């Protein structure tokens, strides 16, 4: 099984995004849109929780997806050295449900606290002819007080520092769900073989929120940062025309082995779809790498070389 078999063709998605972007004029970046407001550089990002919302529905627990929604937005801002400031949510439902709304609100509040942002508003829409169930998205504004980090100063010889993820996060859930359940909702209640947890528990583990890279960027020469989201380690290609060699990756959580085994997913497809244990990456000069790794509670996982592409643990992506 691969991501396209599960229902998401990354190439087709990229083409559709490119077609949309070609019709819109405006400032931007790889992770967030930027614009000047007086003497300040501000940025906006928008994202949702994807088909993770279907796991919440199947399990009957919406209490953590709000954390994911905040995380997916704020992490994208951090990847450009932008401090997240304020967040708004957009909840669309087939029909109003007080209990579901309350649980989602709890998650949004918890995510905002973890990220250090304020939830300043939002919108709830009832659209029974548009959605079947619930969908959740949001937007976040931030300020680039120390300038934008866009990866353009990345050069061969730089080191790659990785920060651990805490599970699947909010990407690749279409493949993960089908690999682990085969479409059977009862499978979410099955206990995983390596922990006292269910399949649903593992998939609902909320996305880690990364703020330590902002501190590292203030103290060190951080030349590029990447949020390892949809596309897995190929997100490194956003940073520069270079070859990224990750020869000592952080360990992947057992859930990824389970996905690969049950879905018969090839190793290269796993690295192209999931974070595989690494949720965030910084590119720094080699002589600063260990200090940066200590600042962000990560470790050096690879290096930048001449050429192009991404290699992870010997696998060419």
C-alpha atoms as a PDB file:
ATOM      1  CA  UNK A   1       0.000   0.000   0.000  1.00  0.00           C
ATOM      2  CA  UNK A   2       1.109   3.570  -0.638  1.00  0.00           C
ATOM      3  CA  UNK A   3      -0.418   6.992  -0.069  1.00  0.00           C
ATOM      4  CA  UNK A   4      -1.950   7.102  -3.553  1.00  0.00           C
ATOM      5  CA  UNK A   5      -3.534   3.656  -3.025  1.00  0.00           C
ATOM      6  CA  UNK A   6      -5.033   4.982   0.211  1.00  0.00           C
ATOM      7  CA  UNK A   7      -6.594   7.890  -1.676  1.00  0.00           C
ATOM      8  CA  UNK A   8      -4.071  10.756  -1.585  1.00  0.00           C
ATOM      9  CA  UNK A   9      -1.845  11.315  -4.613  1.00  0.00           C
ATOM     10  CA  UNK A  10       0.854  13.795  -3.556  1.00  0.00           C
ATOM     11  CA  UNK A  11       1.836  14.647  -7.137  1.00  0.00           C
ATOM     12  CA  UNK A  12      -1.748  15.443  -8.100  1.00  0.00           C
ATOM     13  CA  UNK A  13      -2.143  17.482  -4.913  1.00  0.00           C
ATOM     14  CA  UNK A  14       1.010  19.485  -5.678  1.00  0.00           C
ATOM     15  CA  UNK A  15      -0.254  20.189  -9.204  1.00  0.00           C
ATOM     16  CA  UNK A  16      -3.595  21.403  -7.854  1.00  0.00           C
ATOM     17  CA  UNK A  17      -1.880  23.694  -5.346  1.00  0.00           C
ATOM     18  CA  UNK A  18       0.364  25.087  -8.079  1.00  0.00           C
ATOM     19  CA  UNK A  19      -2.676  25.793 -10.263  1.00  0.00           C
ATOM     20  CA  UNK A  20      -4.359  27.648  -7.412  1.00  0.00           C
ATOM     21  CA  UNK A  21      -1.235  29.614  -6.526  1.00  0.00           C
ATOM     22  CA  UNK A  22      -0.693  30.648 -10.142  1.00  0.00           C
ATOM     23  CA  UNK A  23      -3.975  32.555 -10.025  1.00  0.00           C
ATOM     24  CA  UNK A  24      -3.163  34.432  -6.832  1.00  0.00           C
ATOM     25  CA  UNK A  25      -0.708  37.303  -6.522  1.00  0.00           C
ATOM     26  CA  UNK A  26       0.839  37.892  -3.129  1.00  0.00           C
ATOM     27  CA  UNK A  27       3.786  37.466  -0.823  1.00  0.00           C
ATOM     28  CA  UNK A  28       4.610  34.078   0.512  1.00  0.00           C
ATOM     29  CA  UNK A  29       7.019  31.543   1.841  1.00  0.00           C
ATOM     30  CA  UNK A  30       7.348  27.821   1.947  1.00  0.00           C
ATOM     31  CA  UNK A  31       5.298  27.461   5.132  1.00  0.00           C
ATOM     32  CA  UNK A  32       3.497  30.772   5.642  1.00  0.00           C
ATOM     33  CA  UNK A  33       2.450  33.847   3.712  1.00  0.00           C
ATOM     34  CA  UNK A  34       4.297  37.007   4.687  1.00  0.00           C
ATOM     35  CA  UNK A  35       3.531  40.702   4.270  1.00  0.00           C
ATOM     36  CA  UNK A  36       4.868  44.041   5.437  1.00  0.00           C
ATOM     37  CA  UNK A  37       2.808  46.136   7.833  1.00  0.00           C
ATOM     38  CA  UNK A  38       4.584  49.380   8.587  1.00  0.00           C
ATOM     39  CA  UNK A  39       8.014  48.471   9.883  1.00  0.00           C
ATOM     40  CA  UNK A  40       6.954  44.939  10.767  1.00  0.00           C
ATOM     41  CA  UNK A  41       6.969  41.658   8.855  1.00  0.00           C
ATOM     42  CA  UNK A  42       3.871  39.643   9.648  1.00  0.00           C
ATOM     43  CA  UNK A  43       2.892  36.181   8.518  1.00  0.00           C
ATOM     44  CA  UNK A  44      -0.238  34.098   8.179  1.00  0.00           C
ATOM     45  CA  UNK A  45      -0.699  30.379   7.972  1.00  0.00           C
ATOM     46  CA  UNK A  46      -3.775  28.190   7.682  1.00  0.00           C
ATOM     47  CA  UNK A  47      -4.205  24.459   8.160  1.00  0.00           C
ATOM     48  CA  UNK A  48      -6.519  21.805   9.488  1.00  0.00           C
ATOM     49  CA  UNK A  49      -6.318  18.370  11.073  1.00  0.00           C
ATOM     50  CA  UNK A  50      -7.034  16.397   7.909  1.00  0.00           C
ATOM     51  CA  UNK A  51      -8.584  12.962   8.177  1.00  0.00           C
ATOM     52  CA  UNK A  52      -7.482  12.717  11.804  1.00  0.00           C
ATOM     53  CA  UNK A  53     -10.955  14.093  12.447  1.00  0.00           C
ATOM     54  CA  UNK A  54     -12.321  10.735  11.213  1.00  0.00           C
ATOM     55  CA  UNK A  55     -10.328   8.943  13.921  1.00  0.00           C
ATOM     56  CA  UNK A  56     -11.839  11.262  16.514  1.00  0.00           C
ATOM     57  CA  UNK A  57     -15.292  10.492  15.142  1.00  0.00           C
ATOM     58  CA  UNK A  58     -14.708   6.730  15.154  1.00  0.00           C
ATOM     59  CA  UNK A  59     -13.315   6.742  18.691  1.00  0.00           C
ATOM     60  CA  UNK A  60     -15.841   9.288  19.981  1.00  0.00           C
ATOM     61  CA  UNK A  61     -13.144  11.572  21.393  1.00  0.00           C
ATOM     62  CA  UNK A  62     -12.617  15.066  19.977  1.00  0.00           C
ATOM     63  CA  UNK A  63     -10.682  16.418  22.966  1.00  0.00           C
ATOM     64  CA  UNK A  64      -7.221  16.484  21.340  1.00  0.00           C
ATOM     65  CA  UNK A  65      -7.814  17.486  17.713  1.00  0.00           C
ATOM     66  CA  UNK A  66      -7.888  21.149  18.723  1.00  0.00           C
ATOM     67  CA  UNK A  67      -4.281  20.764  19.886  1.00  0.00           C
ATOM     68  CA  UNK A  68      -3.423  19.387  16.451  1.00  0.00           C
ATOM     69  CA  UNK A  69      -5.096  22.317  14.735  1.00  0.00           C
ATOM     70  CA  UNK A  70      -3.081  24.857  16.701  1.00  0.00           C
ATOM     71  CA  UNK A  71       0.106  22.809  16.288  1.00  0.00           C
ATOM     72  CA  UNK A  72      -0.088  22.468  12.521  1.00  0.00           C
ATOM     73  CA  UNK A  73      -0.425  26.232  12.170  1.00  0.00           C
ATOM     74  CA  UNK A  74       2.094  27.388  14.755  1.00  0.00           C
ATOM     75  CA  UNK A  75       4.750  24.858  13.715  1.00  0.00           C
ATOM     76  CA  UNK A  76       4.603  26.182  10.165  1.00  0.00           C
ATOM     77  CA  UNK A  77       5.239  29.701  11.459  1.00  0.00           C
ATOM     78  CA  UNK A  78       8.139  28.552  13.616  1.00  0.00           C
ATOM     79  CA  UNK A  79       9.693  26.894  10.553  1.00  0.00           C
ATOM     80  CA  UNK A  80      10.267  30.404   9.156  1.00  0.00           C
ATOM     81  CA  UNK A  81      11.486  31.859  12.482  1.00  0.00           C
ATOM     82  CA  UNK A  82       8.156  33.578  13.029  1.00  0.00           C
ATOM     83  CA  UNK A  83       6.726  33.875  16.521  1.00  0.00           C
ATOM     84  CA  UNK A  84       3.048  32.807  16.631  1.00  0.00           C
ATOM     85  CA  UNK A  85       0.804  35.444  18.192  1.00  0.00           C
ATOM     86  CA  UNK A  86      -2.904  34.855  17.633  1.00  0.00           C
ATOM     87  CA  UNK A  87      -5.116  32.060  16.370  1.00  0.00           C
ATOM     88  CA  UNK A  88      -8.664  31.714  15.014  1.00  0.00           C
ATOM     89  CA  UNK A  89     -10.510  28.469  14.325  1.00  0.00           C
ATOM     90  CA  UNK A  90     -13.074  27.402  11.753  1.00  0.00           C
ATOM     91  CA  UNK A  91     -15.381  24.568  12.771  1.00  0.00           C
ATOM     92  CA  UNK A  92     -17.832  23.267  10.186  1.00  0.00           C
ATOM     93  CA  UNK A  93     -20.453  20.719  11.224  1.00  0.00           C
ATOM     94  CA  UNK A  94     -23.220  18.722   9.662  1.00  0.00           C
ATOM     95  CA  UNK A  95     -25.387  19.509  12.673  1.00  0.00           C
ATOM     96  CA  UNK A  96     -24.670  21.292  15.963  1.00  0.00           C
ATOM     97  CA  UNK A  97     -23.509  19.139  18.880  1.00  0.00           C
ATOM     98  CA  UNK A  98     -22.704  20.825  22.197  1.00  0.00           C
ATOM     99  CA  UNK A  99     -20.556  17.963  23.493  1.00  0.00           C
ATOM    100  CA  UNK A 100     -18.378  17.766  20.377  1.00  0.00           C
ATOM    101  CA  UNK A 101     -17.966  21.532  20.262  1.00  0.00           C
ATOM    102  CA  UNK A 102     -16.967  21.608  23.933  1.00  0.00           C
ATOM    103  CA  UNK A 103     -14.349  18.896  23.451  1.00  0.00           C
ATOM    104  CA  UNK A 104     -12.884  20.642  20.416  1.00  0.00           C
ATOM    105  CA  UNK A 105     -12.783  23.887  22.379  1.00  0.00           C
ATOM    106  CA  UNK A 106     -10.878  22.178  25.193  1.00  0.00           C
ATOM    107  CA  UNK A 107      -8.246  21.040  22.719  1.00  0.00           C
ATOM    108  CA  UNK A 108      -7.948  24.461  21.119  1.00  0.00           C
ATOM    109  CA  UNK A 109      -7.432  26.054  24.542  1.00  0.00           C
ATOM    110  CA  UNK A 110      -4.798  23.487  25.480  1.00  0.00           C
ATOM    111  CA  UNK A 111      -3.005  23.882  22.155  1.00  0.00           C
ATOM    112  CA  UNK A 112      -3.000  27.658  22.495  1.00  0.00           C
ATOM    113  CA  UNK A 113      -1.494  27.418  25.972  1.00  0.00           C
ATOM    114  CA  UNK A 114       1.249  25.077  24.754  1.00  0.00           C
ATOM    115  CA  UNK A 115       2.044  27.344  21.810  1.00  0.00           C
ATOM    116  CA  UNK A 116       1.852  30.593  23.771  1.00  0.00           C
ATOM    117  CA  UNK A 117      -0.793  32.126  21.499  1.00  0.00           C
ATOM    118  CA  UNK A 118      -4.169  33.720  22.095  1.00  0.00           C
ATOM    119  CA  UNK A 119      -7.364  32.373  20.536  1.00  0.00           C
ATOM    120  CA  UNK A 120      -8.926  35.658  19.484  1.00  0.00           C
ATOM    121  CA  UNK A 121     -11.965  34.404  17.597  1.00  0.00           C
ATOM    122  CA  UNK A 122     -13.369  31.816  15.272  1.00  0.00           C
ATOM    123  CA  UNK A 123     -16.328  30.701  13.218  1.00  0.00           C
ATOM    124  CA  UNK A 124     -18.723  27.780  13.412  1.00  0.00           C
ATOM    125  CA  UNK A 125     -20.722  26.910  10.303  1.00  0.00           C
ATOM    126  CA  UNK A 126     -23.572  24.424  10.006  1.00  0.00           C
ATOM    127  CA  UNK A 127     -23.483  22.991   6.473  1.00  0.00           C
ATOM    128  CA  UNK A 128     -25.284  19.643   6.230  1.00  0.00           C
ATOM    129  CA  UNK A 129     -25.077  19.560   2.447  1.00  0.00           C
ATOM    130  CA  UNK A 130     -21.317  20.190   2.433  1.00  0.00           C
ATOM    131  CA  UNK A 131     -19.871  18.038   5.225  1.00  0.00           C
ATOM    132  CA  UNK A 132     -20.685  14.634   6.656  1.00  0.00           C
ATOM    133  CA  UNK A 133     -19.828  14.988  10.328  1.00  0.00           C
ATOM    134  CA  UNK A 134     -17.268  17.589  11.420  1.00  0.00           C
ATOM    135  CA  UNK A 135     -14.216  19.361  10.017  1.00  0.00           C
ATOM    136  CA  UNK A 136     -11.781  21.634  11.830  1.00  0.00           C
ATOM    137  CA  UNK A 137      -9.266  24.164  10.524  1.00  0.00           C
ATOM    138  CA  UNK A 138      -7.673  27.374  11.705  1.00  0.00           C
ATOM    139  CA  UNK A 139      -5.364  30.272  10.932  1.00  0.00           C
ATOM    140  CA  UNK A 140      -2.549  31.856  12.874  1.00  0.00           C
ATOM    141  CA  UNK A 141      -0.766  35.203  12.619  1.00  0.00           C
ATOM    142  CA  UNK A 142       2.808  35.739  13.721  1.00  0.00           C
ATOM    143  CA  UNK A 143       5.593  38.303  13.666  1.00  0.00           C
ATOM    144  CA  UNK A 144       9.121  37.917  12.330  1.00  0.00           C
ATOM    145  CA  UNK A 145      10.977  40.024  14.871  1.00  0.00           C
ATOM    146  CA  UNK A 146      14.357  38.483  14.024  1.00  0.00           C
ATOM    147  CA  UNK A 147      13.907  38.206  10.261  1.00  0.00           C
ATOM    148  CA  UNK A 148      12.668  35.373   8.078  1.00  0.00           C
ATOM    149  CA  UNK A 149      14.601  32.100   8.009  1.00  0.00           C
ATOM    150  CA  UNK A 150      13.976  30.621   4.580  1.00  0.00           C
ATOM    151  CA  UNK A 151      16.829  28.169   4.052  1.00  0.00           C
ATOM    152  CA  UNK A 152      18.524  30.274   1.378  1.00  0.00           C
ATOM    153  CA  UNK A 153      21.798  30.376   3.332  1.00  0.00           C
ATOM    154  CA  UNK A 154      21.998  26.596   3.555  1.00  0.00           C
ATOM    155  CA  UNK A 155      25.274  25.300   2.143  1.00  0.00           C
ATOM    156  CA  UNK A 156      27.206  22.021   1.843  1.00  0.00           C
ATOM    157  CA  UNK A 157      28.927  21.144   5.093  1.00  0.00           C
ATOM    158  CA  UNK A 158      26.049  22.328   7.271  1.00  0.00           C
ATOM    159  CA  UNK A 159      24.662  19.957   9.852  1.00  0.00           C
ATOM    160  CA  UNK A 160      21.066  18.754  10.142  1.00  0.00           C
ATOM    161  CA  UNK A 161      19.607  18.696  13.663  1.00  0.00           C
ATOM    162  CA  UNK A 162      16.413  16.776  14.347  1.00  0.00           C
ATOM    163  CA  UNK A 163      13.841  17.194  17.111  1.00  0.00           C
ATOM    164  CA  UNK A 164      11.734  14.143  18.011  1.00  0.00           C
ATOM    165  CA  UNK A 165       8.068  13.855  17.132  1.00  0.00           C
ATOM    166  CA  UNK A 166       5.656  12.150  19.493  1.00  0.00           C
ATOM    167  CA  UNK A 167       3.889   9.969  16.947  1.00  0.00           C
ATOM    168  CA  UNK A 168       2.027  10.271  13.668  1.00  0.00           C
ATOM    169  CA  UNK A 169       1.044  13.912  14.307  1.00  0.00           C
ATOM    170  CA  UNK A 170      -1.583  15.123  11.771  1.00  0.00           C
ATOM    171  CA  UNK A 171      -0.181  13.929   8.458  1.00  0.00           C
ATOM    172  CA  UNK A 172      -0.541  10.747   6.474  1.00  0.00           C
ATOM    173  CA  UNK A 173      -3.656   9.748   8.405  1.00  0.00           C
ATOM    174  CA  UNK A 174      -5.411   8.522   5.260  1.00  0.00           C
ATOM    175  CA  UNK A 175      -2.686   5.914   4.802  1.00  0.00           C
ATOM    176  CA  UNK A 176      -2.268   5.225   8.522  1.00  0.00           C
ATOM    177  CA  UNK A 177      -5.996   4.680   9.064  1.00  0.00           C
ATOM    178  CA  UNK A 178      -6.376   2.289   6.161  1.00  0.00           C
ATOM    179  CA  UNK A 179      -3.206   0.393   7.013  1.00  0.00           C
ATOM    180  CA  UNK A 180      -4.158  -0.085  10.666  1.00  0.00           C
ATOM    181  CA  UNK A 181      -7.914  -0.646  10.374  1.00  0.00           C
ATOM    182  CA  UNK A 182      -8.647  -1.687   6.802  1.00  0.00           C
ATOM    183  CA  UNK A 183     -11.743   0.504   7.043  1.00  0.00           C
ATOM    184  CA  UNK A 184     -13.120  -1.385  10.077  1.00  0.00           C
ATOM    185  CA  UNK A 185     -14.009   1.153  12.779  1.00  0.00           C
ATOM    186  CA  UNK A 186     -13.930  -1.574  15.437  1.00  0.00           C
ATOM    187  CA  UNK A 187     -10.175  -1.890  14.825  1.00  0.00           C
ATOM    188  CA  UNK A 188      -9.577   1.460  16.548  1.00  0.00           C
ATOM    189  CA  UNK A 189     -10.386  -0.272  19.859  1.00  0.00           C
ATOM    190  CA  UNK A 190      -7.750  -2.997  19.352  1.00  0.00           C
ATOM    191  CA  UNK A 191      -4.786  -2.890  21.718  1.00  0.00           C
ATOM    192  CA  UNK A 192      -1.451  -2.327  19.976  1.00  0.00           C
ATOM    193  CA  UNK A 193       1.115  -5.098  20.602  1.00  0.00           C
ATOM    194  CA  UNK A 194       3.774  -2.853  22.157  1.00  0.00           C
ATOM    195  CA  UNK A 195       1.889  -0.735  24.717  1.00  0.00           C
ATOM    196  CA  UNK A 196      -1.186  -0.463  26.894  1.00  0.00           C
ATOM    197  CA  UNK A 197      -2.939   1.641  24.287  1.00  0.00           C
ATOM    198  CA  UNK A 198      -5.373   1.204  21.433  1.00  0.00           C
ATOM    199  CA  UNK A 199      -4.942   1.931  17.748  1.00  0.00           C
ATOM    200  CA  UNK A 200      -7.201   4.928  18.262  1.00  0.00           C
ATOM    201  CA  UNK A 201      -5.058   6.193  21.141  1.00  0.00           C
ATOM    202  CA  UNK A 202      -1.941   6.031  18.986  1.00  0.00           C
ATOM    203  CA  UNK A 203      -3.497   7.889  16.071  1.00  0.00           C
ATOM    204  CA  UNK A 204      -5.024  10.569  18.300  1.00  0.00           C
ATOM    205  CA  UNK A 205      -1.754  11.417  20.068  1.00  0.00           C
ATOM    206  CA  UNK A 206      -1.715  15.196  19.497  1.00  0.00           C
ATOM    207  CA  UNK A 207       0.926  16.843  17.348  1.00  0.00           C
ATOM    208  CA  UNK A 208       3.917  18.152  19.271  1.00  0.00           C
ATOM    209  CA  UNK A 209       4.192  21.942  19.322  1.00  0.00           C
ATOM    210  CA  UNK A 210       7.696  23.217  18.594  1.00  0.00           C
ATOM    211  CA  UNK A 211       8.763  26.512  20.128  1.00  0.00           C
ATOM    212  CA  UNK A 212      12.385  25.740  21.087  1.00  0.00           C
ATOM    213  CA  UNK A 213      13.665  26.435  17.509  1.00  0.00           C
ATOM    214  CA  UNK A 214      12.752  30.104  18.016  1.00  0.00           C
ATOM    215  CA  UNK A 215      15.126  30.246  20.972  1.00  0.00           C
ATOM    216  CA  UNK A 216      17.816  28.457  18.963  1.00  0.00           C
ATOM    217  CA  UNK A 217      17.438  30.914  16.085  1.00  0.00           C
ATOM    218  CA  UNK A 218      17.973  33.844  18.451  1.00  0.00           C
ATOM    219  CA  UNK A 219      21.153  32.333  19.900  1.00  0.00           C
ATOM    220  CA  UNK A 220      22.693  30.573  16.902  1.00  0.00           C
ATOM    221  CA  UNK A 221      23.158  30.830  13.148  1.00  0.00           C
ATOM    222  CA  UNK A 222      20.118  28.759  12.156  1.00  0.00           C
ATOM    223  CA  UNK A 223      20.096  28.742   8.347  1.00  0.00           C
ATOM    224  CA  UNK A 224      16.964  26.732   7.674  1.00  0.00           C
ATOM    225  CA  UNK A 225      14.118  24.985   9.465  1.00  0.00           C
ATOM    226  CA  UNK A 226      11.565  22.445   8.328  1.00  0.00           C
ATOM    227  CA  UNK A 227       8.354  21.164   9.860  1.00  0.00           C
ATOM    228  CA  UNK A 228       8.182  17.493   8.843  1.00  0.00           C
ATOM    229  CA  UNK A 229       4.544  17.385   7.779  1.00  0.00           C
ATOM    230  CA  UNK A 230       2.841  15.990   4.664  1.00  0.00           C
ATOM    231  CA  UNK A 231       5.520  14.617   2.368  1.00  0.00           C
ATOM    232  CA  UNK A 232       7.659  13.417   5.260  1.00  0.00           C
ATOM    233  CA  UNK A 233      11.384  14.041   4.868  1.00  0.00           C
ATOM    234  CA  UNK A 234      10.934  15.480   1.383  1.00  0.00           C
ATOM    235  CA  UNK A 235      10.058  18.712   3.218  1.00  0.00           C
ATOM    236  CA  UNK A 236      13.815  19.252   3.440  1.00  0.00           C
ATOM    237  CA  UNK A 237      13.802  19.995  -0.280  1.00  0.00           C
ATOM    238  CA  UNK A 238      11.894  23.201   0.493  1.00  0.00           C
ATOM    239  CA  UNK A 239      15.004  24.670   2.115  1.00  0.00           C
ATOM    240  CA  UNK A 240      17.587  24.754  -0.666  1.00  0.00           C
ATOM    241  CA  UNK A 241      18.872  23.160  -3.854  1.00  0.00           C
ATOM    242  CA  UNK A 242      21.147  20.760  -2.024  1.00  0.00           C
ATOM    243  CA  UNK A 243      21.438  17.127  -1.014  1.00  0.00           C
ATOM    244  CA  UNK A 244      20.264  16.315   2.501  1.00  0.00           C
ATOM    245  CA  UNK A 245      21.776  13.133   3.922  1.00  0.00           C
ATOM    246  CA  UNK A 246      20.116  11.912   7.127  1.00  0.00           C
ATOM    247  CA  UNK A 247      22.319   8.982   8.102  1.00  0.00           C
ATOM    248  CA  UNK A 248      21.527   8.881  11.829  1.00  0.00           C
ATOM    249  CA  UNK A 249      17.766   9.491  12.025  1.00  0.00           C
ATOM    250  CA  UNK A 250      15.932   9.701  15.301  1.00  0.00           C
ATOM    251  CA  UNK A 251      14.178   6.447  16.196  1.00  0.00           C
ATOM    252  CA  UNK A 252      10.674   6.034  14.830  1.00  0.00           C
ATOM    253  CA  UNK A 253       7.923   5.230  17.300  1.00  0.00           C
ATOM    254  CA  UNK A 254       6.555   1.658  17.190  1.00  0.00           C
ATOM    255  CA  UNK A 255       3.325   2.863  15.566  1.00  0.00           C
ATOM    256  CA  UNK A 256       5.234   3.422  12.327  1.00  0.00           C
ATOM    257  CA  UNK A 257       6.475  -0.175  12.283  1.00  0.00           C
ATOM    258  CA  UNK A 258       2.890  -1.296  12.808  1.00  0.00           C
ATOM    259  CA  UNK A 259       1.663   0.844   9.904  1.00  0.00           C
ATOM    260  CA  UNK A 260       4.384  -0.495   7.617  1.00  0.00           C
ATOM    261  CA  UNK A 261       3.708  -4.088   8.620  1.00  0.00           C
ATOM    262  CA  UNK A 262      -0.081  -4.092   8.451  1.00  0.00           C
ATOM    263  CA  UNK A 263      -0.249  -1.970   5.319  1.00  0.00           C
ATOM    264  CA  UNK A 264       2.757  -3.578   3.608  1.00  0.00           C
ATOM    265  CA  UNK A 265       4.137  -0.073   3.088  1.00  0.00           C
ATOM    266  CA  UNK A 266       7.637   0.235   1.622  1.00  0.00           C
ATOM    267  CA  UNK A 267      10.324   2.024   3.630  1.00  0.00           C
ATOM    268  CA  UNK A 268      10.736   4.822   1.101  1.00  0.00           C
ATOM    269  CA  UNK A 269       6.975   5.440   1.115  1.00  0.00           C
ATOM    270  CA  UNK A 270       7.020   5.624   4.918  1.00  0.00           C
ATOM    271  CA  UNK A 271       9.739   8.311   4.820  1.00  0.00           C
ATOM    272  CA  UNK A 272       7.871  10.216   2.089  1.00  0.00           C
ATOM    273  CA  UNK A 273       4.581  10.185   3.996  1.00  0.00           C
ATOM    274  CA  UNK A 274       5.282  10.290   7.742  1.00  0.00           C
ATOM    275  CA  UNK A 275       7.647  12.087  10.111  1.00  0.00           C
ATOM    276  CA  UNK A 276       9.071   8.709  11.217  1.00  0.00           C
ATOM    277  CA  UNK A 277      10.095  10.027  14.626  1.00  0.00           C
ATOM    278  CA  UNK A 278      11.465  13.423  13.542  1.00  0.00           C
ATOM    279  CA  UNK A 279       8.942  16.258  13.750  1.00  0.00           C
ATOM    280  CA  UNK A 280      11.151  19.271  13.128  1.00  0.00           C
ATOM    281  CA  UNK A 281      14.579  19.910  11.573  1.00  0.00           C
ATOM    282  CA  UNK A 282      17.120  22.744  11.752  1.00  0.00           C
ATOM    283  CA  UNK A 283      20.066  23.339   9.426  1.00  0.00           C
ATOM    284  CA  UNK A 284      23.048  24.982  11.119  1.00  0.00           C
ATOM    285  CA  UNK A 285      26.803  25.377  10.646  1.00  0.00           C
ATOM    286  CA  UNK A 286      28.585  22.205  11.650  1.00  0.00           C
ATOM    287  CA  UNK A 287      30.527  23.901  14.456  1.00  0.00           C
ATOM    288  CA  UNK A 288      27.276  25.037  16.129  1.00  0.00           C
ATOM    289  CA  UNK A 289      25.355  21.800  15.677  1.00  0.00           C
ATOM    290  CA  UNK A 290      25.895  20.278  19.121  1.00  0.00           C
ATOM    291  CA  UNK A 291      24.998  23.503  20.919  1.00  0.00           C
ATOM    292  CA  UNK A 292      21.837  23.864  18.846  1.00  0.00           C
ATOM    293  CA  UNK A 293      20.919  20.230  19.465  1.00  0.00           C
ATOM    294  CA  UNK A 294      21.170  20.839  23.200  1.00  0.00           C
ATOM    295  CA  UNK A 295      19.062  24.004  22.966  1.00  0.00           C
ATOM    296  CA  UNK A 296      16.208  22.256  21.149  1.00  0.00           C
ATOM    297  CA  UNK A 297      16.487  18.912  22.963  1.00  0.00           C
ATOM    298  CA  UNK A 298      17.373  17.142  19.730  1.00  0.00           C
ATOM    299  CA  UNK A 299      20.430  15.642  18.102  1.00  0.00           C
ATOM    300  CA  UNK A 300      22.514  15.848  14.948  1.00  0.00           C
ATOM    301  CA  UNK A 301      20.962  13.476  12.418  1.00  0.00           C
ATOM    302  CA  UNK A 302      22.740  14.316   9.165  1.00  0.00           C
ATOM    303  CA  UNK A 303      24.425  16.831   6.905  1.00  0.00           C
ATOM    304  CA  UNK A 304      24.068  18.905   3.765  1.00  0.00           C
ATOM    305  CA  UNK A 305      26.056  17.936   0.657  1.00  0.00           C
ATOM    306  CA  UNK A 306      26.490  19.103  -2.913  1.00  0.00           C
ATOM    307  CA  UNK A 307      23.799  17.776  -5.231  1.00  0.00           C
ATOM    308  CA  UNK A 308      20.080  17.357  -4.804  1.00  0.00           C
ATOM    309  CA  UNK A 309      17.499  15.140  -3.170  1.00  0.00           C
ATOM    310  CA  UNK A 310      17.024  13.568   0.248  1.00  0.00           C
ATOM    311  CA  UNK A 311      18.527  10.333   1.583  1.00  0.00           C
ATOM    312  CA  UNK A 312      17.330   8.930   4.900  1.00  0.00           C
ATOM    313  CA  UNK A 313      19.115   5.929   6.433  1.00  0.00           C
ATOM    314  CA  UNK A 314      20.336   4.910   2.991  1.00  0.00           C
ATOM    315  CA  UNK A 315      16.910   5.269   1.362  1.00  0.00           C
ATOM    316  CA  UNK A 316      16.772   7.680  -1.593  1.00  0.00           C
ATOM    317  CA  UNK A 317      13.502   9.623  -1.584  1.00  0.00           C
END
